[in-house]
Protein backbone atom coordinates (compact mmCIF):
# COMPACT_ATOMS: atom_id res chain seq x y z
CA MET A 1 19.00 -12.43 -11.44
CA PRO A 2 18.10 -8.36 -12.61
CA SER A 3 20.85 -5.72 -12.46
CA LEU A 4 20.42 -2.35 -11.19
CA SER A 5 21.79 1.02 -12.91
CA ARG A 6 23.39 3.32 -11.09
CA ARG A 7 21.25 6.22 -11.91
CA ALA A 8 18.24 3.50 -10.45
CA LEU A 9 19.60 3.31 -7.07
CA LEU A 10 20.41 6.61 -7.14
CA LYS A 11 16.62 7.59 -7.62
CA GLY A 12 15.70 4.80 -4.91
CA VAL A 13 18.01 6.43 -2.20
CA ALA A 14 17.01 9.96 -2.50
CA GLY A 15 13.43 8.95 -2.06
CA SER A 16 14.33 7.20 1.12
CA THR A 17 11.53 8.40 3.13
CA VAL A 18 8.93 7.62 1.01
CA ALA A 19 6.98 4.12 0.68
CA LEU A 20 9.09 2.92 -2.47
CA GLY A 21 12.61 3.57 -4.11
CA ALA A 22 12.55 3.06 -7.98
CA MET A 23 15.35 0.13 -8.32
CA GLY A 24 15.13 -0.71 -12.32
CA THR A 25 13.28 -2.79 -14.46
CA ALA A 26 11.64 -6.00 -14.39
CA SER A 27 13.11 -8.30 -16.80
CA ALA A 28 12.40 -12.14 -18.30
CA ASP A 29 15.19 -14.69 -18.27
CA ASP A 30 15.52 -14.71 -21.89
CA GLY A 31 16.98 -10.94 -21.27
CA ARG A 32 14.10 -9.58 -22.70
CA ASP A 33 12.18 -6.18 -20.65
CA GLN A 34 8.59 -6.22 -18.90
CA PHE A 35 6.64 -3.18 -20.18
CA VAL A 36 3.38 -2.26 -18.61
CA VAL A 37 1.21 -1.21 -22.23
CA THR A 38 -2.32 0.58 -21.63
CA ALA A 39 -3.75 -0.41 -25.18
CA GLY A 40 -7.34 -1.61 -25.79
CA GLY A 41 -9.31 -2.12 -28.77
CA ASN A 42 -10.41 -5.46 -30.64
CA GLY A 43 -7.32 -7.76 -32.15
CA VAL A 44 -4.88 -5.38 -29.88
CA ARG A 45 -2.97 -8.51 -28.11
CA ARG A 46 -2.81 -10.20 -32.17
CA ARG A 47 -0.75 -6.88 -32.95
CA LEU A 48 1.33 -6.75 -30.20
CA GLU A 49 2.30 -10.28 -31.03
CA ARG A 50 2.98 -8.99 -34.29
CA ALA A 51 5.56 -6.80 -33.24
CA GLY A 52 7.39 -9.39 -31.35
CA GLY A 53 5.91 -9.35 -28.49
CA GLU A 54 4.38 -11.53 -25.96
CA VAL A 55 1.80 -10.73 -23.90
CA VAL A 56 2.02 -11.93 -20.38
CA ALA A 57 -1.35 -10.90 -18.41
CA SER A 58 -4.42 -8.06 -19.11
CA ILE A 59 -6.08 -6.33 -16.62
CA ALA A 60 -8.71 -4.10 -16.69
CA ASP A 61 -11.02 -5.73 -19.01
CA ASP A 62 -8.07 -6.18 -21.36
CA SER A 63 -6.83 -2.46 -21.44
CA VAL A 64 -3.77 -2.74 -19.55
CA HIS A 65 -1.06 -5.28 -19.98
CA LEU A 66 2.20 -7.26 -18.69
CA VAL A 67 4.53 -7.39 -22.44
CA LEU A 68 8.14 -8.79 -22.99
CA ALA A 69 9.88 -7.55 -25.66
CA GLU A 70 13.23 -6.86 -26.77
CA SER A 71 12.63 -2.96 -26.45
CA GLN A 72 9.87 -0.17 -25.72
CA SER A 73 10.10 1.55 -29.21
CA ALA A 74 8.89 -1.69 -30.62
CA LEU A 75 5.67 -1.55 -28.83
CA GLU A 76 4.68 2.01 -29.18
CA GLY A 77 3.79 2.30 -32.93
CA VAL A 78 1.47 -0.72 -32.72
CA GLY A 79 -2.11 0.67 -33.49
CA GLY A 80 -4.37 0.92 -30.41
CA VAL A 81 -1.40 1.66 -28.10
CA SER A 82 -1.95 4.60 -25.74
CA ALA A 83 1.52 4.14 -23.45
CA VAL A 84 4.27 1.76 -23.05
CA GLU A 85 6.26 1.89 -19.98
CA PRO A 86 9.35 -0.14 -18.22
CA ASN A 87 7.77 -2.28 -15.78
CA GLU A 88 9.54 -0.16 -12.94
CA GLY A 89 10.78 -2.52 -10.20
CA TYR A 90 10.92 -1.16 -6.38
CA ARG A 91 11.87 -2.03 -3.33
CA LEU A 92 9.74 -1.17 -0.04
CA LEU A 93 11.36 1.73 2.39
CA GLY A 94 9.06 1.06 5.19
CA PRO A 95 7.25 3.27 7.55
CA ALA A 96 8.55 6.85 8.91
CA GLU A 97 8.93 5.80 12.21
CA THR A 98 8.78 2.76 14.34
CA GLY A 99 8.18 1.82 18.06
CA THR A 100 11.09 0.18 19.84
CA THR A 101 8.95 -1.71 22.63
CA ALA A 102 5.88 -3.81 21.67
CA SER A 103 2.94 -3.64 24.25
CA THR A 104 2.11 -6.57 26.12
CA ASP A 105 -0.57 -5.36 28.21
CA ASP A 106 -4.46 -6.45 28.30
CA ALA A 107 -6.18 -3.68 27.78
CA LEU A 108 -4.68 -2.67 24.15
CA ALA A 109 -8.00 -0.44 23.23
CA ASP A 110 -6.49 2.58 25.81
CA LYS A 111 -3.35 2.76 23.94
CA GLN A 112 -5.34 3.00 20.30
CA TRP A 113 -5.47 6.82 20.34
CA ASP A 114 -6.54 6.47 16.76
CA LYS A 115 -9.52 5.14 17.39
CA HIS A 116 -10.74 7.25 20.28
CA ASP A 117 -13.57 9.92 19.96
CA ASP A 118 -11.59 12.81 20.21
CA THR A 119 -9.53 11.41 16.74
CA THR A 120 -11.96 9.25 14.42
CA GLY A 121 -14.61 7.96 17.21
CA ALA A 122 -13.90 4.20 15.77
CA PHE A 123 -14.81 2.76 18.92
CA GLU A 124 -18.38 4.78 19.71
CA ALA A 125 -19.26 3.97 16.05
CA HIS A 126 -19.21 0.21 16.54
CA ASP A 127 -22.46 0.60 18.34
CA ALA A 128 -23.86 0.87 15.20
CA ALA A 129 -21.48 -0.93 12.29
CA THR A 130 -18.50 -2.78 12.91
CA GLY A 131 -17.99 -3.79 8.90
CA ALA A 132 -20.17 -7.11 9.34
CA ASP A 133 -20.15 -8.77 6.09
CA ARG A 134 -18.10 -6.60 4.47
CA ARG A 135 -14.17 -6.82 2.50
CA VAL A 136 -11.10 -4.59 2.86
CA ALA A 137 -8.57 -5.85 -0.06
CA VAL A 138 -4.69 -5.26 1.36
CA ILE A 139 -2.30 -4.31 -0.96
CA ASP A 140 0.75 -4.84 0.58
CA THR A 141 3.68 -7.66 2.05
CA GLY A 142 0.50 -10.20 2.94
CA ILE A 143 -1.48 -10.71 5.93
CA GLU A 144 -0.47 -13.28 8.63
CA PRO A 145 -3.23 -15.98 8.61
CA ASP A 146 -2.99 -17.20 12.09
CA HIS A 147 -2.89 -13.79 14.01
CA PRO A 148 -5.82 -13.65 16.63
CA ASP A 149 -6.70 -10.16 15.85
CA VAL A 150 -6.92 -9.96 12.11
CA ASN A 151 -9.99 -12.21 10.13
CA ALA A 152 -8.03 -12.74 6.94
CA GLU A 153 -9.81 -14.57 4.04
CA MET A 154 -6.51 -16.79 2.49
CA SER A 155 -9.05 -18.14 0.34
CA ALA A 156 -9.48 -14.93 -1.65
CA GLY A 157 -6.30 -13.79 -1.62
CA LYS A 158 -3.65 -14.02 -4.05
CA LEU A 159 0.01 -13.18 -4.69
CA PHE A 160 1.06 -11.02 -7.89
CA ARG A 161 4.70 -11.61 -8.62
CA SER A 162 5.35 -10.54 -12.57
CA ASP A 163 8.10 -12.76 -13.12
CA GLY A 164 6.37 -16.25 -12.54
CA ALA A 165 8.67 -17.43 -10.08
CA SER A 166 6.38 -18.54 -7.21
CA SER A 167 3.87 -20.05 -9.55
CA PRO A 168 3.86 -23.38 -10.36
CA ASP A 169 3.00 -22.71 -14.29
CA GLY A 170 5.28 -19.57 -14.42
CA SER A 171 2.05 -17.08 -14.60
CA PRO A 172 2.58 -13.91 -12.93
CA THR A 173 -0.55 -14.81 -9.99
CA VAL A 174 -0.48 -17.50 -7.19
CA PRO A 175 -3.82 -18.19 -5.25
CA GLY A 176 -3.51 -16.59 -1.48
CA ASP A 177 -4.34 -20.23 0.10
CA GLU A 178 -1.84 -22.66 -2.16
CA GLU A 179 1.14 -23.37 -0.22
CA VAL A 180 4.58 -22.47 -1.89
CA GLU A 181 7.96 -21.84 -0.81
CA VAL A 182 8.25 -18.17 0.39
CA ARG A 183 10.95 -16.35 1.18
CA LEU A 184 11.37 -14.64 4.39
CA PRO A 185 13.72 -11.49 5.57
CA PRO A 186 17.81 -12.87 5.06
CA SER A 187 19.54 -13.28 8.35
CA GLY A 188 22.98 -11.36 6.81
CA ASP A 189 23.36 -7.63 7.45
CA THR A 190 21.23 -4.80 6.49
CA ILE A 191 22.72 -2.51 4.27
CA ALA A 192 19.88 -0.16 3.45
CA PRO A 193 16.36 -0.20 4.13
CA TYR A 194 14.58 -4.07 3.67
CA THR A 195 17.72 -4.65 1.83
CA TYR A 196 20.32 -7.26 2.77
CA LEU A 197 23.64 -8.95 2.01
CA GLY A 198 22.34 -12.62 3.19
CA GLU A 199 20.76 -15.20 1.35
CA PRO A 200 17.12 -15.25 2.40
CA GLN A 201 15.53 -17.48 4.56
CA THR A 202 12.90 -19.74 3.04
CA LYS A 203 9.83 -22.10 4.50
CA MET A 204 6.49 -23.64 2.94
CA ARG A 205 3.42 -20.74 3.68
CA ARG A 206 0.51 -19.73 2.30
CA ALA A 207 1.14 -17.65 -0.66
CA ALA A 208 -0.56 -14.19 0.88
CA ASP A 209 0.76 -15.14 4.27
CA ASP A 210 2.77 -12.12 5.43
CA VAL A 211 6.59 -11.83 4.18
CA ASP A 212 7.44 -8.89 6.43
CA SER A 213 5.02 -7.25 9.13
CA HIS A 214 3.67 -4.19 7.21
CA GLY A 215 0.79 -5.62 5.61
CA THR A 216 -0.44 -7.36 8.72
CA HIS A 217 0.12 -4.14 10.53
CA CYS A 218 -2.42 -2.37 7.96
CA ALA A 219 -4.76 -5.18 8.34
CA GLY A 220 -5.19 -5.23 11.87
CA ILE A 221 -5.38 -1.18 11.54
CA ALA A 222 -8.52 -1.68 9.00
CA THR A 223 -10.19 -4.74 10.37
CA GLY A 224 -8.62 -5.69 13.90
CA SER A 225 -11.41 -8.01 15.06
CA ASN A 226 -10.12 -7.63 19.16
CA ALA A 227 -10.26 -11.07 19.66
CA GLY A 228 -11.37 -12.34 23.04
CA THR A 229 -10.89 -9.67 26.10
CA THR A 230 -7.37 -8.45 24.59
CA GLY A 231 -5.74 -7.46 21.83
CA ILE A 232 -6.21 -4.03 18.95
CA ALA A 233 -9.37 -3.33 17.45
CA GLY A 234 -9.55 -2.02 14.15
CA MET A 235 -12.11 0.87 12.03
CA ALA A 236 -14.34 -2.17 11.42
CA PRO A 237 -13.58 -5.21 13.10
CA ASP A 238 -16.15 -7.70 11.74
CA ALA A 239 -14.73 -7.35 8.26
CA LYS A 240 -12.70 -9.35 6.29
CA ALA A 241 -9.33 -8.43 5.13
CA VAL A 242 -8.63 -9.96 1.60
CA PRO A 243 -4.63 -10.13 1.45
CA LEU A 244 -3.00 -8.87 -2.06
CA ARG A 245 0.60 -9.62 -1.59
CA VAL A 246 2.51 -7.40 -4.08
CA PHE A 247 6.17 -7.53 -2.40
CA TYR A 248 8.40 -10.51 -2.24
CA TRP A 249 11.84 -11.13 -1.17
CA LYS A 250 14.50 -11.11 -4.63
CA ALA A 251 18.14 -11.54 -4.98
CA LEU A 252 19.33 -8.15 -7.42
CA SER A 253 22.71 -7.86 -8.58
CA GLY A 254 24.44 -4.83 -9.17
CA TYR A 255 24.33 -2.71 -5.83
CA PRO A 256 27.10 -0.43 -5.18
CA TYR A 257 28.55 -0.94 -1.33
CA ASP A 258 31.22 0.24 0.28
CA GLU A 259 31.75 -3.43 2.11
CA ASP A 260 34.85 -2.82 3.72
CA GLY A 261 34.76 0.92 4.23
CA ASP A 262 37.81 2.24 1.98
CA GLY A 263 35.59 4.63 0.54
CA GLU A 264 35.46 2.53 -2.37
CA GLU A 265 31.94 0.85 -3.92
CA GLU A 266 31.90 -2.56 -5.55
CA SER A 267 28.72 -3.96 -6.98
CA VAL A 268 27.65 -6.45 -5.17
CA THR A 269 24.13 -9.00 -5.25
CA VAL A 270 21.43 -7.77 -2.61
CA THR A 271 18.32 -9.51 -1.21
CA THR A 272 15.39 -6.76 -1.14
CA LEU A 273 11.27 -6.70 -0.61
CA TRP A 274 10.48 -5.79 -4.22
CA THR A 275 7.29 -5.22 -6.44
CA THR A 276 6.47 -3.73 -9.87
CA ASP A 277 3.82 -1.63 -11.41
CA PHE A 278 2.00 -4.68 -12.76
CA ASP A 279 2.12 -6.28 -9.67
CA ILE A 280 0.24 -3.33 -7.67
CA LEU A 281 -1.68 -2.66 -10.66
CA SER A 282 -3.10 -6.10 -11.26
CA ALA A 283 -3.66 -6.28 -7.57
CA ILE A 284 -5.85 -2.72 -7.80
CA ASP A 285 -7.71 -4.65 -10.66
CA TYR A 286 -8.46 -7.77 -8.73
CA ALA A 287 -9.80 -5.80 -5.82
CA GLY A 288 -12.40 -4.41 -8.41
CA GLU A 289 -13.38 -7.55 -9.55
CA ILE A 290 -13.84 -9.77 -6.48
CA GLY A 291 -16.14 -6.48 -5.40
CA ALA A 292 -14.19 -5.41 -2.27
CA ASP A 293 -15.11 -2.25 -0.23
CA ALA A 294 -12.32 -0.99 -0.30
CA ALA A 295 -8.46 -1.61 -1.66
CA ASN A 296 -5.80 -0.11 0.56
CA MET A 297 -2.80 1.11 -0.92
CA SER A 298 -0.42 2.11 1.79
CA LEU A 299 3.11 2.18 -0.81
CA GLY A 300 3.78 4.66 -3.34
CA GLY A 301 6.61 6.05 -5.42
CA GLY A 302 8.93 9.12 -5.01
CA VAL A 303 7.90 12.85 -5.30
CA VAL A 304 7.69 13.45 -8.92
CA LYS A 305 6.88 16.36 -11.16
CA GLY A 306 4.73 18.42 -14.09
CA SER A 307 5.12 16.15 -17.01
CA ALA A 308 5.04 12.97 -15.61
CA HIS A 309 1.55 13.27 -15.05
CA LYS A 310 1.16 12.18 -18.68
CA SER A 311 3.54 9.61 -18.14
CA GLY A 312 2.79 5.72 -19.39
CA ASP A 313 2.76 4.83 -15.57
CA HIS A 314 0.24 7.72 -14.73
CA VAL A 315 -2.10 6.42 -17.80
CA ALA A 316 -2.01 2.93 -16.68
CA TYR A 317 -2.74 3.41 -12.82
CA GLN A 318 -5.33 5.81 -13.90
CA THR A 319 -7.48 2.98 -16.39
CA VAL A 320 -6.88 0.76 -13.63
CA VAL A 321 -7.93 2.43 -10.81
CA GLN A 322 -11.22 4.10 -12.21
CA ARG A 323 -12.20 0.56 -13.22
CA ALA A 324 -11.98 -0.46 -9.96
CA VAL A 325 -13.79 2.69 -8.75
CA GLN A 326 -16.35 1.85 -11.66
CA ARG A 327 -16.75 -1.29 -10.37
CA GLY A 328 -17.68 -0.05 -6.55
CA THR A 329 -14.14 -0.48 -4.77
CA VAL A 330 -13.02 2.59 -2.89
CA VAL A 331 -9.44 2.87 -3.46
CA THR A 332 -7.64 4.40 -0.64
CA ALA A 333 -4.07 5.37 -0.87
CA SER A 334 -1.17 6.70 1.50
CA ALA A 335 0.00 10.44 0.64
CA GLY A 336 3.91 9.35 1.13
CA ASN A 337 6.25 10.01 3.95
CA ALA A 338 8.48 12.71 2.00
CA SER A 339 7.31 15.88 4.00
CA SER A 340 6.84 17.19 0.66
CA ASN A 341 4.11 20.35 -0.51
CA LEU A 342 2.38 18.45 -3.99
CA GLN A 343 0.50 21.58 -4.24
CA GLN A 344 3.67 23.79 -5.52
CA GLY A 345 5.40 23.16 -8.89
CA GLY A 346 3.05 20.39 -10.18
CA TYR A 347 4.41 17.64 -8.11
CA TYR A 348 2.79 14.39 -7.49
CA THR A 349 3.08 10.77 -6.72
CA LEU A 350 1.70 7.45 -7.86
CA PRO A 351 -0.45 5.77 -7.11
CA ASN A 352 -2.31 8.43 -4.79
CA SER A 353 -2.32 11.65 -7.05
CA VAL A 354 -4.11 9.92 -9.49
CA PRO A 355 -7.94 10.62 -10.14
CA GLY A 356 -10.10 8.08 -8.35
CA ALA A 357 -8.16 7.14 -5.15
CA MET A 358 -8.61 8.58 -2.42
CA SER A 359 -5.36 10.10 -0.92
CA VAL A 360 -4.67 10.38 2.66
CA THR A 361 -2.37 12.02 5.18
CA ALA A 362 -1.26 11.20 8.51
CA THR A 363 -1.84 12.95 11.60
CA GLY A 364 -1.34 12.41 15.15
CA PRO A 365 -3.18 12.76 18.83
CA THR A 366 -3.33 16.40 18.40
CA ASN A 367 -5.35 15.76 14.76
CA GLU A 368 -2.51 18.10 13.12
CA LEU A 369 -0.22 16.86 10.19
CA ALA A 370 2.24 14.34 11.40
CA PHE A 371 5.84 15.79 10.45
CA TYR A 372 6.84 13.34 7.82
CA SER A 373 3.48 13.29 5.67
CA ASN A 374 3.43 14.81 2.48
CA PHE A 375 0.88 17.48 1.62
CA GLY A 376 -0.97 20.01 -0.94
CA THR A 377 -4.75 20.72 -1.38
CA SER A 378 -4.64 19.27 -5.07
CA ASP A 379 -3.82 15.97 -3.84
CA ILE A 380 -5.07 15.20 -0.43
CA ASP A 381 -8.83 14.28 -0.12
CA VAL A 382 -8.91 13.56 4.12
CA GLY A 383 -6.29 13.08 6.90
CA ALA A 384 -6.59 10.17 9.24
CA PRO A 385 -4.43 8.91 12.04
CA GLY A 386 -0.97 7.66 11.26
CA GLY A 387 1.23 8.60 14.26
CA GLY A 388 3.72 10.94 15.56
CA TYR A 389 3.37 14.53 16.04
CA GLU A 390 4.03 17.85 13.90
CA THR A 391 7.92 17.25 15.10
CA LEU A 392 10.40 14.67 15.12
CA GLU A 393 11.44 16.11 18.27
CA LYS A 394 7.71 15.95 19.78
CA THR A 395 7.01 12.56 17.94
CA LEU A 396 10.24 11.27 19.97
CA ALA A 397 9.43 13.51 23.64
CA THR A 398 8.54 11.39 26.62
CA ASP A 399 6.78 14.32 28.42
CA THR A 400 3.41 14.21 25.58
CA ASP A 401 0.33 13.46 26.67
CA TRP A 402 1.13 10.24 24.60
CA PRO A 403 5.07 9.76 24.70
CA PHE A 404 6.83 7.79 22.60
CA PRO A 405 6.17 5.10 20.93
CA THR A 406 2.82 5.67 22.17
CA ASN A 407 1.99 8.09 19.99
CA LEU A 408 2.59 5.99 16.94
CA VAL A 409 -0.31 4.07 15.64
CA LEU A 410 -0.42 0.19 17.88
CA SER A 411 -1.66 -2.76 15.75
CA SER A 412 -1.15 -6.27 14.66
CA VAL A 413 2.43 -7.86 13.76
CA PRO A 414 3.33 -11.84 12.85
CA ALA A 415 4.68 -13.51 16.17
CA ASP A 416 7.22 -15.40 13.75
CA LEU A 417 8.75 -12.17 12.17
CA ASN A 418 8.90 -10.48 15.56
CA ASP A 419 10.57 -12.54 18.23
CA GLY A 420 7.22 -13.60 19.37
CA LYS A 421 5.70 -9.92 19.28
CA GLN A 422 2.04 -9.68 18.20
CA TYR A 423 1.73 -6.05 18.51
CA ASP A 424 3.71 -2.81 17.62
CA TRP A 425 3.51 1.11 16.69
CA TYR A 426 4.53 2.21 13.54
CA ALA A 427 3.65 5.26 11.82
CA GLY A 428 3.55 6.75 8.66
CA THR A 429 0.80 7.64 6.05
CA SER A 430 0.79 3.55 5.67
CA MET A 431 -0.85 3.63 9.02
CA ALA A 432 -3.07 6.76 7.93
CA ALA A 433 -4.61 4.52 4.57
CA PRO A 434 -6.27 2.01 5.97
CA GLN A 435 -8.12 3.93 9.04
CA VAL A 436 -10.17 5.12 5.98
CA ALA A 437 -10.24 2.00 3.99
CA GLY A 438 -11.64 0.17 6.96
CA LEU A 439 -14.56 3.22 7.34
CA VAL A 440 -15.37 2.29 3.63
CA ALA A 441 -16.20 -0.92 5.30
CA LEU A 442 -18.25 0.95 8.40
CA VAL A 443 -20.48 2.75 5.80
CA ARG A 444 -20.60 0.22 3.75
CA GLU A 445 -22.01 -1.92 6.13
CA VAL A 446 -25.36 0.74 6.62
CA ALA A 447 -25.45 1.71 2.91
CA PRO A 448 -24.05 -1.14 0.77
CA GLY A 449 -26.21 0.35 -2.43
CA LEU A 450 -23.55 3.68 -2.44
CA SER A 451 -21.35 3.62 -5.25
CA ALA A 452 -17.56 4.02 -4.56
CA LYS A 453 -18.16 7.89 -5.26
CA GLN A 454 -20.99 8.41 -2.91
CA VAL A 455 -18.43 6.66 -0.13
CA GLN A 456 -16.20 9.11 -0.26
CA ASN A 457 -18.64 11.72 -0.75
CA VAL A 458 -19.75 10.58 2.93
CA ILE A 459 -16.39 10.26 4.32
CA GLU A 460 -15.48 13.79 3.45
CA ARG A 461 -18.54 15.50 4.47
CA THR A 462 -18.77 14.43 7.97
CA ALA A 463 -14.81 14.64 8.53
CA ARG A 464 -13.74 17.45 10.96
CA PHE A 465 -10.79 19.91 11.83
CA SER A 466 -10.91 21.09 8.27
CA SER A 467 -11.50 24.91 7.63
CA GLY A 468 -13.65 25.37 3.73
CA LYS A 469 -12.73 21.54 3.65
CA SER A 470 -9.84 21.98 1.37
CA SER A 471 -7.12 22.11 3.77
CA PRO A 472 -3.67 21.42 2.31
CA THR A 473 -2.86 19.23 5.14
CA ILE A 474 -5.86 16.89 5.77
CA GLY A 475 -7.87 17.97 2.95
CA ALA A 476 -11.61 17.68 3.39
CA GLY A 477 -10.51 17.08 7.88
CA VAL A 478 -9.71 14.21 10.09
CA VAL A 479 -12.21 11.17 9.47
CA TYR A 480 -14.58 10.68 11.75
CA ALA A 481 -16.40 7.40 11.70
CA PRO A 482 -19.69 8.35 14.27
CA ASP A 483 -20.89 10.82 12.05
CA ALA A 484 -20.12 9.37 8.47
CA VAL A 485 -22.36 6.11 9.38
CA ALA A 486 -25.07 8.23 10.62
CA GLU A 487 -24.78 9.77 7.32
CA ALA A 488 -24.39 7.24 5.57
CA GLU A 489 -27.84 5.52 7.26
CA ARG A 490 -29.41 8.78 5.91
CA PHE A 491 -28.38 8.64 2.65
CA SER A 492 -29.55 4.98 2.49
CA LYS A 493 -33.28 5.95 3.86
């Protein structure tokens, strides 16, 4: 059972408005630590093993490896190794804001301001393209396979779990449609976002099924199918969503918690929604391997500064993202919910700051930056509806054109995890990134021969509301689907 250092915990708590909080290093049952090793060349696996490492898995054409070892220093001197970092573990910290009431109205399209013509124009674009025969990989908490508005391709999906605990043979991946015992949210007290004192509930489910609600919500934004005459419609309603589950409920010891309220913290065991760097890296690589048109990452680490750009984490993410892009997969990534200026002082976040990934900020019904969204000219490519207004006060107000919670983004959620509800409002850059991933599917439908970089160029050239195409808040602008589809059609002729 992994334990947590106080330093790692404080690092996570300090970033409580971003998607992921660092929670320590993943380790094997025998006490060895997991490391992410970026290394290439013939014979590198043998050299790593001669140095005392055990290569558990390799991705990105054998250039990034998950290695068990006694120490980091034993691996750093191996020939061909360019970077070694602990396989950092994270807990999900969730969207910036959530609604309090789910919609039960049949005419849900009227509530989807994020798809109307004065924002992304998605509904208008559907006259020309719907994402037919395209795939959007959703790197997240999984996708509910039986939701009426989400066309989830479970057979192509996967669960990525580097400790091998969910796999019959101990491998770090499980096919998405394989039945496994899945841990679901515990019924005990919540003491931090996605962190419980209670034991998790378990159920036999498909490995890529949603264990929270976040992944299904993102999938609906990108590919919601508007089944029948009710429900929501995504940006690309005829595209398939491929669930790449990287989050799983895990028991962690050493959590400092003042359980009796006497002001003194005690170390307790908690159950938290967890992932690691190698899980995320593996999912990105797999999305490129299966030829997904887009790979959406509505997740990210905390805001870090300066020299961390040269870290092994950054090297590994850059290697894997660029391989996926070379294969034709557009990687869309949320910019983060810390209200931080990434332009000044050399700040950045992973994975959205990596060259090759499309970094997306969140906007509201007025196409202005949402109050929680990170921003910065050097880091932001485009903006897209993520929900909320320019301030928290305005977001929570009831006298605006879109009163709370309707100014958040309405999308699909699993009924069995939401007291029978199938739709709810969330806000965050998590909701903005899948808007762009769905748009990739529309562009690729009409111009399937475009490279990933050409698709990104089309989306950026047709975005709106940015003066000079380099806005620190929305980059090239807020994405606009009708013009992007029209431009793609011209581009392909």
